[in-house]
Amino acid sequence: MTDRRSELLRQEDEGWARVRALIDPLTPDQRTRPGVTPTWSVKDLMAHLASWWAEANAELERMRFGTYRLERRDIDEVNQRFYEANRDVDLETVTAELYAARNKALDALWKLPELTPHAEEWFAESGPLHYGEHIPDLERFVKSVTEPATR
C-alpha cells in the first residue's frame, strides 16, 4: 500500500506539471494580460497559488511545532486580500514567490511527524485540488492567446 504522503506528493507533482506545461510557454506579455478570469492574468493566478502555498507552509509548520489552531476563514475575503497585495508585484517576483512557497510547503509536509487530516487537507487544498480548480480557466486562456483567430 502506498504511503498517503507519497500519494499526495504524486498528485501535487502531476498537477504542478500540468500548470507548468500551460504557463511556461507563455510570453511575459501573455502572462500579464487579463483573461484567465475577467480580471485575473496568469501572473495574478500565479500570485494566488503562491499565497495559498505560503499559507499552507505556515499552517503545516504550526502543526509540526504544536501551535496549530483550527481557524475558519472567509475564503473570498482572503483571496481578495491576496489579490490586492500582489496586484502590483512584478512577474519575476511572483514567479520566484510561487516556486519558493511551493518548495517550502513540500518540505514542510515531509517534516511533519504525522500526516493528520488537517495537514492533508491544507496540502491538498493548496496544491493538487487547487490546481484542478484553476486549470480549466488557464487552459481556456492559453488556447485564446496561442491559437490563431478563426475568421
Protein backbone atom coordinates (compact mmCIF):
# COMPACT_ATOMS: atom_id res chain seq x y z
CA MET A 1 0.00 0.00 0.00
CA THR A 2 1.29 3.44 -0.94
CA ASP A 3 2.05 5.85 1.87
CA ARG A 4 -0.58 8.62 1.84
CA ARG A 5 2.06 11.35 1.99
CA SER A 6 3.76 9.93 -1.10
CA GLU A 7 0.41 9.75 -2.88
CA LEU A 8 -0.32 13.41 -2.07
CA LEU A 9 3.08 14.40 -3.41
CA ARG A 10 2.50 12.38 -6.57
CA GLN A 11 -0.85 14.13 -7.13
CA GLU A 12 0.72 17.51 -6.48
CA ASP A 13 3.57 16.78 -8.88
CA GLU A 14 1.13 15.79 -11.64
CA GLY A 15 -0.94 18.93 -11.13
CA TRP A 16 2.17 21.12 -10.98
CA ALA A 17 3.38 19.60 -14.25
CA ARG A 18 0.03 20.43 -15.89
CA VAL A 19 0.16 24.02 -14.61
CA ARG A 20 3.76 24.45 -15.77
CA ALA A 21 3.00 22.95 -19.19
CA LEU A 22 0.39 25.66 -19.65
CA ILE A 23 2.29 28.61 -18.17
CA ASP A 24 5.90 28.02 -19.22
CA PRO A 25 5.41 28.52 -22.99
CA LEU A 26 3.64 31.87 -22.47
CA THR A 27 5.48 35.12 -23.07
CA PRO A 28 5.73 37.70 -20.27
CA ASP A 29 3.11 39.78 -22.12
CA GLN A 30 0.73 36.82 -22.26
CA ARG A 31 1.31 36.09 -18.55
CA THR A 32 0.38 39.63 -17.56
CA ARG A 33 -2.67 40.00 -19.82
CA PRO A 34 -6.06 39.72 -18.05
CA GLY A 35 -8.29 36.92 -19.23
CA VAL A 36 -7.80 33.89 -17.00
CA THR A 37 -10.82 35.33 -15.21
CA PRO A 38 -12.44 38.62 -16.17
CA THR A 39 -9.84 40.45 -14.06
CA TRP A 40 -7.02 37.98 -13.41
CA SER A 41 -3.96 37.43 -15.55
CA VAL A 42 -1.75 34.33 -15.39
CA LYS A 43 0.51 36.39 -13.11
CA ASP A 44 -2.44 37.00 -10.78
CA LEU A 45 -3.21 33.28 -10.75
CA MET A 46 0.44 32.51 -10.00
CA ALA A 47 0.37 35.02 -7.11
CA HIS A 48 -2.86 33.42 -5.86
CA LEU A 49 -1.28 29.96 -5.89
CA ALA A 50 1.87 31.30 -4.22
CA SER A 51 -0.16 32.95 -1.48
CA TRP A 52 -2.06 29.77 -0.67
CA TRP A 53 1.16 27.73 -0.74
CA ALA A 54 2.67 30.22 1.73
CA GLU A 55 -0.38 29.84 3.97
CA ALA A 56 -0.16 26.05 3.73
CA ASN A 57 3.50 26.15 4.67
CA ALA A 58 2.76 28.30 7.72
CA GLU A 59 -0.06 26.01 8.83
CA LEU A 60 1.99 22.84 8.30
CA GLU A 61 4.83 24.35 10.33
CA ARG A 62 2.37 25.24 13.11
CA MET A 63 1.23 21.62 13.09
CA ARG A 64 4.81 20.41 13.33
CA PHE A 65 5.53 22.64 16.31
CA GLY A 66 2.20 22.02 18.04
CA THR A 67 0.82 25.54 17.70
CA TYR A 68 -1.85 24.85 15.07
CA ARG A 69 -5.33 26.17 15.79
CA LEU A 70 -8.29 25.34 13.60
CA GLU A 71 -9.46 28.64 12.19
CA ARG A 72 -12.28 29.22 9.74
CA ARG A 73 -11.63 31.91 7.18
CA ASP A 74 -13.75 33.77 4.68
CA ILE A 75 -12.06 32.41 1.56
CA ASP A 76 -13.38 35.14 -0.73
CA GLU A 77 -12.04 37.81 1.63
CA VAL A 78 -8.66 36.08 1.87
CA ASN A 79 -8.47 35.72 -1.92
CA GLN A 80 -9.28 39.41 -2.36
CA ARG A 81 -6.61 40.36 0.19
CA PHE A 82 -4.06 38.21 -1.67
CA TYR A 83 -5.05 39.80 -4.98
CA GLU A 84 -4.71 43.33 -3.61
CA ALA A 85 -1.34 42.54 -2.03
CA ASN A 86 0.08 41.10 -5.24
CA ARG A 87 -1.61 43.17 -7.94
CA ASP A 88 1.39 45.48 -8.44
CA VAL A 89 4.13 42.90 -7.88
CA ASP A 90 6.20 42.24 -11.00
CA LEU A 91 6.05 38.93 -12.87
CA GLU A 92 9.59 37.88 -11.96
CA THR A 93 8.95 38.32 -8.23
CA VAL A 94 5.62 36.50 -8.41
CA THR A 95 7.29 33.61 -10.24
CA ALA A 96 10.04 33.37 -7.62
CA GLU A 97 7.49 33.53 -4.81
CA LEU A 98 5.41 30.75 -6.35
CA TYR A 99 8.38 28.42 -6.66
CA ALA A 100 9.67 29.26 -3.18
CA ALA A 101 6.29 28.92 -1.46
CA ARG A 102 5.58 25.60 -3.17
CA ASN A 103 9.00 24.21 -2.29
CA LYS A 104 8.66 25.28 1.34
CA ALA A 105 5.25 23.62 1.62
CA LEU A 106 6.58 20.40 0.06
CA ASP A 107 9.38 20.42 2.60
CA ALA A 108 7.00 21.19 5.47
CA LEU A 109 4.83 18.22 4.54
CA TRP A 110 7.82 15.85 4.73
CA LYS A 111 8.92 17.28 8.08
CA LEU A 112 5.61 16.52 9.78
CA PRO A 113 5.99 13.65 12.21
CA GLU A 114 2.45 12.53 11.32
CA LEU A 115 0.13 13.26 8.42
CA THR A 116 -3.03 14.40 10.18
CA PRO A 117 -6.35 15.05 8.44
CA HIS A 118 -5.80 18.81 8.83
CA ALA A 119 -2.32 18.57 7.32
CA GLU A 120 -3.62 16.52 4.42
CA GLU A 121 -6.45 18.99 3.86
CA TRP A 122 -4.14 22.03 3.89
CA PHE A 123 -1.72 20.41 1.47
CA ALA A 124 -4.34 19.03 -0.92
CA GLU A 125 -6.43 22.22 -0.93
CA SER A 126 -3.37 24.36 -1.61
CA GLY A 127 -1.87 22.06 -4.22
CA PRO A 128 -3.46 19.29 -6.26
CA LEU A 129 -7.10 20.20 -5.62
CA HIS A 130 -6.35 23.90 -6.03
CA TYR A 131 -4.63 23.33 -9.36
CA GLY A 132 -7.68 21.38 -10.50
CA GLU A 133 -9.94 24.35 -9.73
CA HIS A 134 -7.90 26.71 -11.90
CA ILE A 135 -6.62 24.53 -14.75
CA PRO A 136 -9.83 24.79 -16.84
CA ASP A 137 -9.68 28.62 -16.84
CA LEU A 138 -5.95 28.51 -17.52
CA GLU A 139 -6.43 26.09 -20.43
CA ARG A 140 -9.15 28.30 -21.92
CA PHE A 141 -6.95 31.38 -21.61
CA VAL A 142 -3.88 29.68 -23.10
CA LYS A 143 -5.95 28.47 -26.03
CA SER A 144 -7.27 32.02 -26.59
CA VAL A 145 -3.80 33.56 -26.75
CA THR A 146 -1.94 30.84 -28.63
CA GLU A 147 -4.37 29.69 -31.32
CA PRO A 148 -4.87 31.85 -34.41
CA ALA A 149 -8.25 33.55 -34.55
CA THR A 150 -10.67 31.93 -36.95
CA ARG A 151 -12.41 34.14 -39.47
